[in-house]
PDB file of N, CA and C in Angstrom:
ATOM      1  N   MET A   1      31.792 -37.451   6.815  1.00  0.00           N
ATOM      2  CA  MET A   1      31.418 -36.384   6.339  1.00  0.00           C
ATOM      3  C   MET A   1      32.449 -35.390   5.739  1.00  0.00           C
ATOM      4  N   ARG A   2      32.200 -35.295   4.237  1.00  0.00           N
ATOM      5  CA  ARG A   2      33.189 -34.071   2.862  1.00  0.00           C
ATOM      6  C   ARG A   2      32.548 -32.777   3.796  1.00  0.00           C
ATOM      7  N   LYS A   3      33.498 -31.275   3.301  1.00  0.00           N
ATOM      8  CA  LYS A   3      32.978 -30.430   3.058  1.00  0.00           C
ATOM      9  C   LYS A   3      32.085 -30.009   1.862  1.00  0.00           C
ATOM     10  N   SER A   4      32.008 -30.722   1.156  1.00  0.00           N
ATOM     11  CA  SER A   4      31.183 -30.603   0.125  1.00  0.00           C
ATOM     12  C   SER A   4      29.774 -30.968   0.449  1.00  0.00           C
ATOM     13  N   ASP A   5      30.181 -32.147   1.237  1.00  0.00           N
ATOM     14  CA  ASP A   5      28.552 -32.508   1.805  1.00  0.00           C
ATOM     15  C   ASP A   5      27.650 -31.680   3.323  1.00  0.00           C
ATOM     16  N   ILE A   6      28.518 -31.185   3.624  1.00  0.00           N
ATOM     17  CA  ILE A   6      27.744 -30.288   4.449  1.00  0.00           C
ATOM     18  C   ILE A   6      27.053 -28.834   3.915  1.00  0.00           C
ATOM     19  N   LEU A   7      28.555 -28.806   2.506  1.00  0.00           N
ATOM     20  CA  LEU A   7      27.584 -27.334   1.677  1.00  0.00           C
ATOM     21  C   LEU A   7      26.513 -27.754   0.936  1.00  0.00           C
ATOM     22  N   PHE A   8      25.967 -29.106   0.337  1.00  0.00           N
ATOM     23  CA  PHE A   8      25.574 -29.135  -0.125  1.00  0.00           C
ATOM     24  C   PHE A   8      24.087 -29.525   0.717  1.00  0.00           C
ATOM     25  N   LEU A   9      23.920 -29.759   1.820  1.00  0.00           N
ATOM     26  CA  LEU A   9      23.021 -30.197   3.007  1.00  0.00           C
ATOM     27  C   LEU A   9      22.503 -28.552   3.510  1.00  0.00           C
ATOM     28  N   SER A  10      23.521 -27.614   3.546  1.00  0.00           N
ATOM     29  CA  SER A  10      22.788 -26.575   3.840  1.00  0.00           C
ATOM     30  C   SER A  10      22.806 -25.577   2.713  1.00  0.00           C
ATOM     31  N   LEU A  11      22.610 -25.896   1.760  1.00  0.00           N
ATOM     32  CA  LEU A  11      22.411 -25.542   0.589  1.00  0.00           C
ATOM     33  C   LEU A  11      20.805 -25.666   0.663  1.00  0.00           C
ATOM     34  N   ALA A  12      20.190 -27.029   0.415  1.00  0.00           N
ATOM     35  CA  ALA A  12      19.111 -28.140   0.473  1.00  0.00           C
ATOM     36  C   ALA A  12      18.473 -27.655   1.752  1.00  0.00           C
ATOM     37  N   VAL A  13      18.544 -27.446   2.872  1.00  0.00           N
ATOM     38  CA  VAL A  13      17.969 -26.604   3.513  1.00  0.00           C
ATOM     39  C   VAL A  13      17.970 -25.292   3.839  1.00  0.00           C
ATOM     40  N   GLN A  14      18.734 -24.371   2.816  1.00  0.00           N
ATOM     41  CA  GLN A  14      18.081 -23.267   2.650  1.00  0.00           C
ATOM     42  C   GLN A  14      16.831 -23.001   1.358  1.00  0.00           C
ATOM     43  N   MET A  15      16.641 -23.690   0.746  1.00  0.00           N
ATOM     44  CA  MET A  15      16.109 -23.658  -0.571  1.00  0.00           C
ATOM     45  C   MET A  15      14.614 -24.050   0.172  1.00  0.00           C
ATOM     46  N   VAL A  16      14.614 -24.978   1.157  1.00  0.00           N
ATOM     47  CA  VAL A  16      13.521 -25.857   1.685  1.00  0.00           C
ATOM     48  C   VAL A  16      13.016 -24.461   2.094  1.00  0.00           C
ATOM     49  N   LEU A  17      14.138 -23.890   3.834  1.00  0.00           N
ATOM     50  CA  LEU A  17      13.416 -22.935   4.325  1.00  0.00           C
ATOM     51  C   LEU A  17      12.874 -21.263   2.693  1.00  0.00           C
ATOM     52  N   LEU A  18      13.637 -21.152   1.865  1.00  0.00           N
ATOM     53  CA  LEU A  18      13.010 -20.135   1.380  1.00  0.00           C
ATOM     54  C   LEU A  18      11.646 -20.467   0.742  1.00  0.00           C
ATOM     55  N   PHE A  19      11.463 -21.521   0.077  1.00  0.00           N
ATOM     56  CA  PHE A  19      10.314 -22.281  -0.144  1.00  0.00           C
ATOM     57  C   PHE A  19       9.422 -22.108   0.781  1.00  0.00           C
ATOM     58  N   PHE A  20       9.074 -22.077   2.033  1.00  0.00           N
ATOM     59  CA  PHE A  20       8.589 -22.053   3.109  1.00  0.00           C
ATOM     60  C   PHE A  20       8.152 -20.963   2.963  1.00  0.00           C
ATOM     61  N   LEU A  21       9.050 -19.990   2.889  1.00  0.00           N
ATOM     62  CA  LEU A  21       9.407 -18.271   2.858  1.00  0.00           C
ATOM     63  C   LEU A  21       8.115 -17.553   1.965  1.00  0.00           C
ATOM     64  N   PHE A  22       8.312 -18.139   0.915  1.00  0.00           N
ATOM     65  CA  PHE A  22       7.744 -17.718   0.053  1.00  0.00           C
ATOM     66  C   PHE A  22       6.303 -18.280   0.007  1.00  0.00           C
ATOM     67  N   ALA A  23       5.904 -19.608   0.313  1.00  0.00           N
ATOM     68  CA  ALA A  23       4.624 -20.114   0.652  1.00  0.00           C
ATOM     69  C   ALA A  23       4.114 -19.617   2.077  1.00  0.00           C
ATOM     70  N   HIS A  24       4.291 -19.262   2.606  1.00  0.00           N
ATOM     71  CA  HIS A  24       4.312 -18.150   3.599  1.00  0.00           C
ATOM     72  C   HIS A  24       2.928 -16.833   3.307  1.00  0.00           C
ATOM     73  N   ALA A  25       4.191 -16.037   2.676  1.00  0.00           N
ATOM     74  CA  ALA A  25       4.021 -15.189   2.064  1.00  0.00           C
ATOM     75  C   ALA A  25       2.575 -15.419   0.791  1.00  0.00           C
ATOM     76  N   ALA A  26       2.696 -16.033   0.158  1.00  0.00           N
ATOM     77  CA  ALA A  26       1.140 -16.020  -0.146  1.00  0.00           C
ATOM     78  C   ALA A  26       0.071 -16.853   0.164  1.00  0.00           C
ATOM     79  N   HIS A  27       0.300 -17.110   1.187  1.00  0.00           N
ATOM     80  CA  HIS A  27      -0.511 -17.435   2.303  1.00  0.00           C
ATOM     81  C   HIS A  27      -0.968 -15.999   3.171  1.00  0.00           C
ATOM     82  N   ARG A  28      -0.478 -15.888   3.213  1.00  0.00           N
ATOM     83  CA  ARG A  28      -0.721 -14.180   4.476  1.00  0.00           C
ATOM     84  C   ARG A  28      -1.295 -13.307   3.004  1.00  0.00           C
ATOM     85  N   LYS A  29      -1.191 -13.487   1.849  1.00  0.00           N
ATOM     86  CA  LYS A  29      -1.344 -12.275   0.582  1.00  0.00           C
ATOM     87  C   LYS A  29      -2.735 -12.505   0.988  1.00  0.00           C
ATOM     88  N   MET A  30      -3.268 -14.430   0.781  1.00  0.00           N
ATOM     89  CA  MET A  30      -4.580 -14.774   0.439  1.00  0.00           C
ATOM     90  C   MET A  30      -5.480 -13.743   1.931  1.00  0.00           C
ATOM     91  N   ALA A  31      -4.744 -14.188   2.764  1.00  0.00           N
ATOM     92  CA  ALA A  31      -5.724 -14.133   4.233  1.00  0.00           C
ATOM     93  C   ALA A  31      -5.875 -12.614   4.397  1.00  0.00           C
ATOM     94  N   ASP A  32      -4.647 -11.670   4.096  1.00  0.00           N
ATOM     95  CA  ASP A  32      -5.291 -10.108   4.560  1.00  0.00           C
ATOM     96  C   ASP A  32      -5.804  -9.672   3.345  1.00  0.00           C
ATOM     97  N   ILE A  33      -6.113  -9.766   2.458  1.00  0.00           N
ATOM     98  CA  ILE A  33      -7.297  -8.940   1.477  1.00  0.00           C
ATOM     99  C   ILE A  33      -8.268  -8.593   2.184  1.00  0.00           C
ATOM    100  N   PRO A  34      -9.304  -9.604   2.549  1.00  0.00           N
ATOM    101  CA  PRO A  34     -10.389  -8.630   3.491  1.00  0.00           C
ATOM    102  C   PRO A  34      -9.911  -7.047   4.226  1.00  0.00           C
ATOM    103  N   ARG A  35      -8.835  -7.696   4.919  1.00  0.00           N
ATOM    104  CA  ARG A  35      -8.471  -6.379   5.733  1.00  0.00           C
ATOM    105  C   ARG A  35      -8.165  -5.170   5.029  1.00  0.00           C
ATOM    106  N   ILE A  36      -7.048  -5.753   3.689  1.00  0.00           N
ATOM    107  CA  ILE A  36      -6.755  -4.933   2.937  1.00  0.00           C
ATOM    108  C   ILE A  36      -7.894  -4.046   2.014  1.00  0.00           C
ATOM    109  N   ARG A  37      -8.727  -4.456   1.930  1.00  0.00           N
ATOM    110  CA  ARG A  37      -9.967  -3.917   1.448  1.00  0.00           C
ATOM    111  C   ARG A  37     -11.189  -3.217   2.427  1.00  0.00           C
ATOM    112  N   GLU A  38     -10.886  -3.063   3.457  1.00  0.00           N
ATOM    113  CA  GLU A  38     -11.699  -2.856   4.553  1.00  0.00           C
ATOM    114  C   GLU A  38     -10.335  -1.376   4.496  1.00  0.00           C
ATOM    115  N   LYS A  39      -9.222  -1.701   5.065  1.00  0.00           N
ATOM    116  CA  LYS A  39      -8.537  -0.077   5.056  1.00  0.00           C
ATOM    117  C   LYS A  39      -8.790   0.951   3.920  1.00  0.00           C
ATOM    118  N   GLY A  40      -8.952   0.082   2.685  1.00  0.00           N
ATOM    119  CA  GLY A  40      -9.376   0.753   1.215  1.00  0.00           C
ATOM    120  C   GLY A  40     -10.079   1.877   1.046  1.00  0.00           C
ATOM    121  N   GLU A  41     -11.575   1.297   1.947  1.00  0.00           N
ATOM    122  CA  GLU A  41     -12.416   1.378   1.962  1.00  0.00           C
ATOM    123  C   GLU A  41     -12.686   3.038   3.096  1.00  0.00           C
ATOM    124  N   ILE A  42     -12.169   2.369   4.330  1.00  0.00           N
ATOM    125  CA  ILE A  42     -11.777   3.432   5.525  1.00  0.00           C
ATOM    126  C   ILE A  42     -11.694   5.015   4.883  1.00  0.00           C
ATOM    127  N   VAL A  43     -10.336   4.705   3.843  1.00  0.00           N
ATOM    128  CA  VAL A  43      -9.458   5.370   3.328  1.00  0.00           C
ATOM    129  C   VAL A  43     -10.208   6.608   2.475  1.00  0.00           C
ATOM    130  N   ARG A  44     -11.304   5.524   1.544  1.00  0.00           N
ATOM    131  CA  ARG A  44     -12.253   6.440   0.574  1.00  0.00           C
ATOM    132  C   ARG A  44     -13.393   7.107   1.143  1.00  0.00           C
ATOM    133  N   ARG A  45     -13.859   6.503   2.056  1.00  0.00           N
ATOM    134  CA  ARG A  45     -14.664   7.218   3.015  1.00  0.00           C
ATOM    135  C   ARG A  45     -14.949   8.021   3.788  1.00  0.00           C
ATOM    136  N   LEU A  46     -13.599   8.475   4.093  1.00  0.00           N
ATOM    137  CA  LEU A  46     -12.918   9.352   5.258  1.00  0.00           C
ATOM    138  C   LEU A  46     -12.008  10.206   4.033  1.00  0.00           C
ATOM    139  N   GLY A  47     -10.940  10.293   2.891  1.00  0.00           N
ATOM    140  CA  GLY A  47     -11.085  10.932   2.096  1.00  0.00           C
ATOM    141  C   GLY A  47      -9.560  11.020   2.443  1.00  0.00           C
ATOM    142  N   LEU A  48      -8.625  10.011   3.078  1.00  0.00           N
ATOM    143  CA  LEU A  48      -7.857  10.541   3.770  1.00  0.00           C
ATOM    144  C   LEU A  48      -7.053  10.816   2.840  1.00  0.00           C
ATOM    145  N   THR A  49      -5.278  11.684   2.562  1.00  0.00           N
ATOM    146  CA  THR A  49      -5.015  12.046   1.762  1.00  0.00           C
ATOM    147  C   THR A  49      -3.795  11.141   1.227  1.00  0.00           C
ATOM    148  N   ASP A  50      -2.115  11.554   2.166  1.00  0.00           N
ATOM    149  CA  ASP A  50      -0.728  11.055   1.755  1.00  0.00           C
ATOM    150  C   ASP A  50      -0.818   9.841   3.061  1.00  0.00           C
ATOM    151  N   LEU A  51       0.045   9.074   2.262  1.00  0.00           N
ATOM    152  CA  LEU A  51       0.719   7.763   2.876  1.00  0.00           C
ATOM    153  C   LEU A  51       2.006   8.448   3.839  1.00  0.00           C
ATOM    154  N   CYS A  52       1.690   7.828   5.066  1.00  0.00           N
ATOM    155  CA  CYS A  52       3.287   8.377   5.770  1.00  0.00           C
ATOM    156  C   CYS A  52       4.653   7.880   5.575  1.00  0.00           C
ATOM    157  N   LEU A  53       5.560   8.519   4.706  1.00  0.00           N
ATOM    158  CA  LEU A  53       6.439   7.688   4.454  1.00  0.00           C
ATOM    159  C   LEU A  53       7.459   7.343   5.523  1.00  0.00           C
ATOM    160  N   PHE A  54       7.863   8.343   6.276  1.00  0.00           N
ATOM    161  CA  PHE A  54       8.281   8.440   6.869  1.00  0.00           C
ATOM    162  C   PHE A  54       8.447   8.929   8.555  1.00  0.00           C
ATOM    163  N   THR A  55       8.746   8.137   9.497  1.00  0.00           N
ATOM    164  CA  THR A  55       8.443   8.925  11.064  1.00  0.00           C
ATOM    165  C   THR A  55       9.121   9.921  11.592  1.00  0.00           C
ATOM    166  N   GLU A  56      10.694  10.250  11.038  1.00  0.00           N
ATOM    167  CA  GLU A  56      11.461  11.295  11.544  1.00  0.00           C
ATOM    168  C   GLU A  56      10.859  12.134  11.691  1.00  0.00           C
ATOM    169  N   ALA A  57      11.149  13.217  10.778  1.00  0.00           N
ATOM    170  CA  ALA A  57      10.515  14.826  10.775  1.00  0.00           C
ATOM    171  C   ALA A  57       9.302  14.684  10.129  1.00  0.00           C
ATOM    172  N   ARG A  58       8.645  16.017  10.445  1.00  0.00           N
ATOM    173  CA  ARG A  58       7.386  16.227   9.928  1.00  0.00           C
ATOM    174  C   ARG A  58       7.199  16.619   9.104  1.00  0.00           C
ATOM    175  N   TYR A  59       8.233  17.130   8.139  1.00  0.00           N
ATOM    176  CA  TYR A  59       8.353  17.587   7.018  1.00  0.00           C
ATOM    177  C   TYR A  59       8.739  16.475   5.991  1.00  0.00           C
ATOM    178  N   THR A  60       8.978  15.181   6.360  1.00  0.00           N
ATOM    179  CA  THR A  60       9.457  14.226   5.866  1.00  0.00           C
ATOM    180  C   THR A  60       7.826  13.121   6.163  1.00  0.00           C
ATOM    181  N   ARG A  61       6.550  13.674   6.594  1.00  0.00           N
ATOM    182  CA  ARG A  61       5.676  12.543   7.335  1.00  0.00           C
ATOM    183  C   ARG A  61       5.252  12.704   6.273  1.00  0.00           C
ATOM    184  N   HIS A  62       4.856  14.121   5.959  1.00  0.00           N
ATOM    185  CA  HIS A  62       3.266  13.975   4.631  1.00  0.00           C
ATOM    186  C   HIS A  62       4.263  15.161   3.455  1.00  0.00           C
ATOM    187  N   ILE A  63       4.774  14.468   2.517  1.00  0.00           N
ATOM    188  CA  ILE A  63       5.155  15.508   1.904  1.00  0.00           C
ATOM    189  C   ILE A  63       5.180  16.851   1.083  1.00  0.00           C
ATOM    190  N   THR A  64       3.450  16.232   0.772  1.00  0.00           N
ATOM    191  CA  THR A  64       2.773  17.705   0.617  1.00  0.00           C
ATOM    192  C   THR A  64       1.854  18.590   1.440  1.00  0.00           C
ATOM    193  N   GLN A  65       2.240  18.460   2.419  1.00  0.00           N
ATOM    194  CA  GLN A  65       1.596  19.396   3.591  1.00  0.00           C
ATOM    195  C   GLN A  65       3.032  19.614   4.030  1.00  0.00           C
ATOM    196  N   ALA A  66       3.859  19.793   3.585  1.00  0.00           N
ATOM    197  CA  ALA A  66       4.978  20.469   3.829  1.00  0.00           C
ATOM    198  C   ALA A  66       5.384  21.587   3.477  1.00  0.00           C
ATOM    199  N   ASP A  67       6.271  22.774   4.325  1.00  0.00           N
ATOM    200  CA  ASP A  67       6.284  24.270   3.175  1.00  0.00           C
ATOM    201  C   ASP A  67       7.774  24.144   2.692  1.00  0.00           C
ATOM    202  N   LEU A  68       8.079  24.634   1.782  1.00  0.00           N
ATOM    203  CA  LEU A  68       9.706  24.639   1.092  1.00  0.00           C
ATOM    204  C   LEU A  68      10.309  24.583   2.340  1.00  0.00           C
ATOM    205  N   ASN A  69      10.722  25.749   3.262  1.00  0.00           N
ATOM    206  CA  ASN A  69      11.307  25.885   3.889  1.00  0.00           C
ATOM    207  C   ASN A  69      11.761  24.892   5.191  1.00  0.00           C
ATOM    208  N   THR A  70      10.481  24.063   5.752  1.00  0.00           N
ATOM    209  CA  THR A  70      10.670  23.488   6.737  1.00  0.00           C
ATOM    210  C   THR A  70      11.869  22.908   6.994  1.00  0.00           C
ATOM    211  N   PRO A  71      12.505  21.941   6.233  1.00  0.00           N
ATOM    212  CA  PRO A  71      13.682  21.438   6.310  1.00  0.00           C
ATOM    213  C   PRO A  71      15.126  22.233   7.199  1.00  0.00           C
ATOM    214  N   PHE A  72      14.881  23.828   6.795  1.00  0.00           N
ATOM    215  CA  PHE A  72      15.585  24.261   7.018  1.00  0.00           C
ATOM    216  C   PHE A  72      14.884  25.376   8.294  1.00  0.00           C
ATOM    217  N   GLN A  73      14.450  24.533   8.875  1.00  0.00           N
ATOM    218  CA  GLN A  73      13.884  25.738  10.346  1.00  0.00           C
ATOM    219  C   GLN A  73      14.935  25.966  11.348  1.00  0.00           C
ATOM    220  N   ASP A  74      15.665  25.280  11.860  1.00  0.00           N
ATOM    221  CA  ASP A  74      16.959  25.615  12.245  1.00  0.00           C
ATOM    222  C   ASP A  74      17.445  26.892  12.133  1.00  0.00           C
ATOM    223  N   HIS A  75      18.118  26.599  10.556  1.00  0.00           N
ATOM    224  CA  HIS A  75      18.787  27.415   9.857  1.00  0.00           C
ATOM    225  C   HIS A  75      18.766  27.463   8.564  1.00  0.00           C
ATOM    226  N   PRO A  76      18.885  28.527   7.959  1.00  0.00           N
ATOM    227  CA  PRO A  76      18.909  28.432   6.267  1.00  0.00           C
ATOM    228  C   PRO A  76      20.161  27.893   5.142  1.00  0.00           C
ATOM    229  N   LEU A  77      21.068  27.922   6.301  1.00  0.00           N
ATOM    230  CA  LEU A  77      21.997  26.836   6.021  1.00  0.00           C
ATOM    231  C   LEU A  77      22.512  25.503   6.519  1.00  0.00           C
ATOM    232  N   SER A  78      21.052  25.356   7.028  1.00  0.00           N
ATOM    233  CA  SER A  78      21.759  23.975   8.136  1.00  0.00           C
ATOM    234  C   SER A  78      21.742  22.931   7.388  1.00  0.00           C
ATOM    235  N   LEU A  79      22.749  21.784   7.989  1.00  0.00           N
ATOM    236  CA  LEU A  79      22.705  20.267   7.008  1.00  0.00           C
ATOM    237  C   LEU A  79      22.050  19.359   6.718  1.00  0.00           C
ATOM    238  N   GLU A  80      20.951  18.461   6.910  1.00  0.00           N
ATOM    239  CA  GLU A  80      19.816  17.764   7.096  1.00  0.00           C
ATOM    240  C   GLU A  80      19.926  17.040   7.905  1.00  0.00           C
ATOM    241  N   HIS A  81      18.992  16.645   8.533  1.00  0.00           N
ATOM    242  CA  HIS A  81      19.441  15.935   9.860  1.00  0.00           C
ATOM    243  C   HIS A  81      19.019  14.421  10.389  1.00  0.00           C
ATOM    244  N   PHE A  82      17.661  14.303   9.187  1.00  0.00           N
ATOM    245  CA  PHE A  82      17.107  13.127   8.988  1.00  0.00           C
ATOM    246  C   PHE A  82      17.870  12.377   8.061  1.00  0.00           C
ATOM    247  N   PRO A  83      18.363  10.852   7.708  1.00  0.00           N
ATOM    248  CA  PRO A  83      18.416  10.166   6.803  1.00  0.00           C
ATOM    249  C   PRO A  83      17.580  10.287   5.399  1.00  0.00           C
ATOM    250  N   SER A  84      16.026  10.325   5.974  1.00  0.00           N
ATOM    251  CA  SER A  84      14.917  10.301   5.370  1.00  0.00           C
ATOM    252  C   SER A  84      15.006  11.814   4.522  1.00  0.00           C
ATOM    253  N   GLY A  85      14.990  12.573   4.734  1.00  0.00           N
ATOM    254  CA  GLY A  85      15.450  14.125   3.865  1.00  0.00           C
ATOM    255  C   GLY A  85      16.381  13.593   2.764  1.00  0.00           C
ATOM    256  N   SER A  86      17.705  13.028   3.223  1.00  0.00           N
ATOM    257  CA  SER A  86      18.250  12.890   1.539  1.00  0.00           C
ATOM    258  C   SER A  86      17.656  11.872   0.746  1.00  0.00           C
ATOM    259  N   LEU A  87      16.719  11.142   0.880  1.00  0.00           N
ATOM    260  CA  LEU A  87      16.180  10.311  -0.004  1.00  0.00           C
ATOM    261  C   LEU A  87      14.891  11.250  -0.865  1.00  0.00           C
ATOM    262  N   LEU A  88      14.035  12.495  -0.848  1.00  0.00           N
ATOM    263  CA  LEU A  88      13.270  12.709  -0.793  1.00  0.00           C
ATOM    264  C   LEU A  88      13.959  13.743  -1.853  1.00  0.00           C
ATOM    265  N   LEU A  89      13.665  13.698  -3.342  1.00  0.00           N
ATOM    266  CA  LEU A  89      13.808  15.030  -4.108  1.00  0.00           C
ATOM    267  C   LEU A  89      12.923  16.365  -3.937  1.00  0.00           C
ATOM    268  N   PRO A  90      13.666  17.514  -4.236  1.00  0.00           N
ATOM    269  CA  PRO A  90      12.886  18.655  -4.025  1.00  0.00           C
ATOM    270  C   PRO A  90      11.812  18.703  -5.281  1.00  0.00           C
ATOM    271  N   PRO A  91      10.189  19.642  -5.096  1.00  0.00           N
ATOM    272  CA  PRO A  91       9.901  20.033  -6.063  1.00  0.00           C
ATOM    273  C   PRO A  91      10.099  20.101  -7.275  1.00  0.00           C
ATOM    274  N   ALA A  92       9.556  20.224  -8.082  1.00  0.00           N
ATOM    275  CA  ALA A  92       9.888  20.185  -9.190  1.00  0.00           C
ATOM    276  C   ALA A  92      10.632  21.150  -9.827  1.00  0.00           C
ATOM    277  N   GLY A  93       9.800  22.578  -8.675  1.00  0.00           N
ATOM    278  CA  GLY A  93       9.992  23.567  -9.346  1.00  0.00           C
ATOM    279  C   GLY A  93      11.239  23.940  -8.825  1.00  0.00           C
ATOM    280  N   LEU A  94      12.190  23.056  -8.252  1.00  0.00           N
ATOM    281  CA  LEU A  94      13.340  23.763  -7.621  1.00  0.00           C
ATOM    282  C   LEU A  94      13.958  23.243  -8.344  1.00  0.00           C
ATOM    283  N   ARG A  95      14.100  21.576  -8.850  1.00  0.00           N
ATOM    284  CA  ARG A  95      15.046  21.157  -9.832  1.00  0.00           C
ATOM    285  C   ARG A  95      14.936  21.835 -11.074  1.00  0.00           C
ATOM    286  N   ASP A  96      14.085  22.133 -11.694  1.00  0.00           N
ATOM    287  CA  ASP A  96      14.763  22.666 -13.312  1.00  0.00           C
ATOM    288  C   ASP A  96      14.803  24.513 -12.840  1.00  0.00           C
ATOM    289  N   PHE A  97      16.006  24.453 -13.009  1.00  0.00           N
ATOM    290  CA  PHE A  97      16.257  26.115 -12.635  1.00  0.00           C
ATOM    291  C   PHE A  97      16.685  26.721 -14.276  1.00  0.00           C
ATOM    292  N   ARG A  98      16.231  26.254 -15.163  1.00  0.00           N
ATOM    293  CA  ARG A  98      15.291  26.929 -16.602  1.00  0.00           C
ATOM    294  C   ARG A  98      14.213  27.208 -16.302  1.00  0.00           C
ATOM    295  N   ALA A  99      13.205  26.973 -15.464  1.00  0.00           N
ATOM    296  CA  ALA A  99      11.656  26.929 -15.622  1.00  0.00           C
ATOM    297  C   ALA A  99      11.708  28.444 -15.394  1.00  0.00           C
ATOM    298  N   PRO A 100      10.647  28.970 -15.848  1.00  0.00           N
ATOM    299  CA  PRO A 100      10.246  30.586 -15.419  1.00  0.00           C
ATOM    300  C   PRO A 100       9.953  30.205 -13.545  1.00  0.00           C
ATOM    301  N   VAL A 101      10.018  31.679 -12.898  1.00  0.00           N
ATOM    302  CA  VAL A 101       9.359  32.154 -11.679  1.00  0.00           C
ATOM    303  C   VAL A 101       7.746  31.867 -11.252  1.00  0.00           C
ATOM    304  N   PRO A 102       7.265  31.679 -10.509  1.00  0.00           N
ATOM    305  CA  PRO A 102       5.997  31.888 -11.318  1.00  0.00           C
ATOM    306  C   PRO A 102       5.842  33.444 -10.446  1.00  0.00           C
ATOM    307  N   ALA A 103       5.043  33.915 -11.060  1.00  0.00           N
ATOM    308  CA  ALA A 103       4.395  35.114 -10.679  1.00  0.00           C
ATOM    309  C   ALA A 103       4.102  35.362  -8.985  1.00  0.00           C
ATOM    310  N   GLU A 104       4.084  34.809  -8.562  1.00  0.00           N
ATOM    311  CA  GLU A 104       3.173  34.669  -7.484  1.00  0.00           C
ATOM    312  C   GLU A 104       4.468  34.743  -6.362  1.00  0.00           C
ATOM    313  N   ARG A 105       5.666  34.355  -6.843  1.00  0.00           N
ATOM    314  CA  ARG A 105       6.928  34.084  -5.843  1.00  0.00           C
ATOM    315  C   ARG A 105       7.698  35.246  -5.982  1.00  0.00           C
ATOM    316  N   ARG A 106       7.476  36.041  -7.328  1.00  0.00           N
ATOM    317  CA  ARG A 106       8.535  37.445  -7.977  1.00  0.00           C
ATOM    318  C   ARG A 106       8.179  37.942  -6.859  1.00  0.00           C
ATOM    319  N   LYS A 107       9.550  38.737  -6.221  1.00  0.00           N
ATOM    320  CA  LYS A 107       9.412  40.424  -5.351  1.00  0.00           C
ATOM    321  C   LYS A 107       9.474  41.593  -6.563  1.00  0.00           C
ATOM    322  N   GLY A 108       8.466  42.403  -5.789  1.00  0.00           N
ATOM    323  CA  GLY A 108       8.574  43.824  -6.436  1.00  0.00           C
ATOM    324  C   GLY A 108       7.355  44.319  -6.668  1.00  0.00           C
TER     325      GLY A 108
END
């Protein structure tokens, strides 16, 4: 058996496995539709707010519920402890330095 035969045989096996992976995903998607609808109804009925994106720190679990200073609770100049904090953008008001400061944030 030549090396090229082994290569083509392994490629064929991998293509068959890839096909079965996609077929399994399509089958599971169809089987999970009732469960997804049921969870959607629970979310609508209970009025749940946000999706939990990360499980590391409380300020990355529910982004809309976190204070602006929560990542710096240990020290104002401390570095980010968790990798998920580097994936989240700061709020839009903090990203645009030319934006006027809201009246409730002004000191004086």
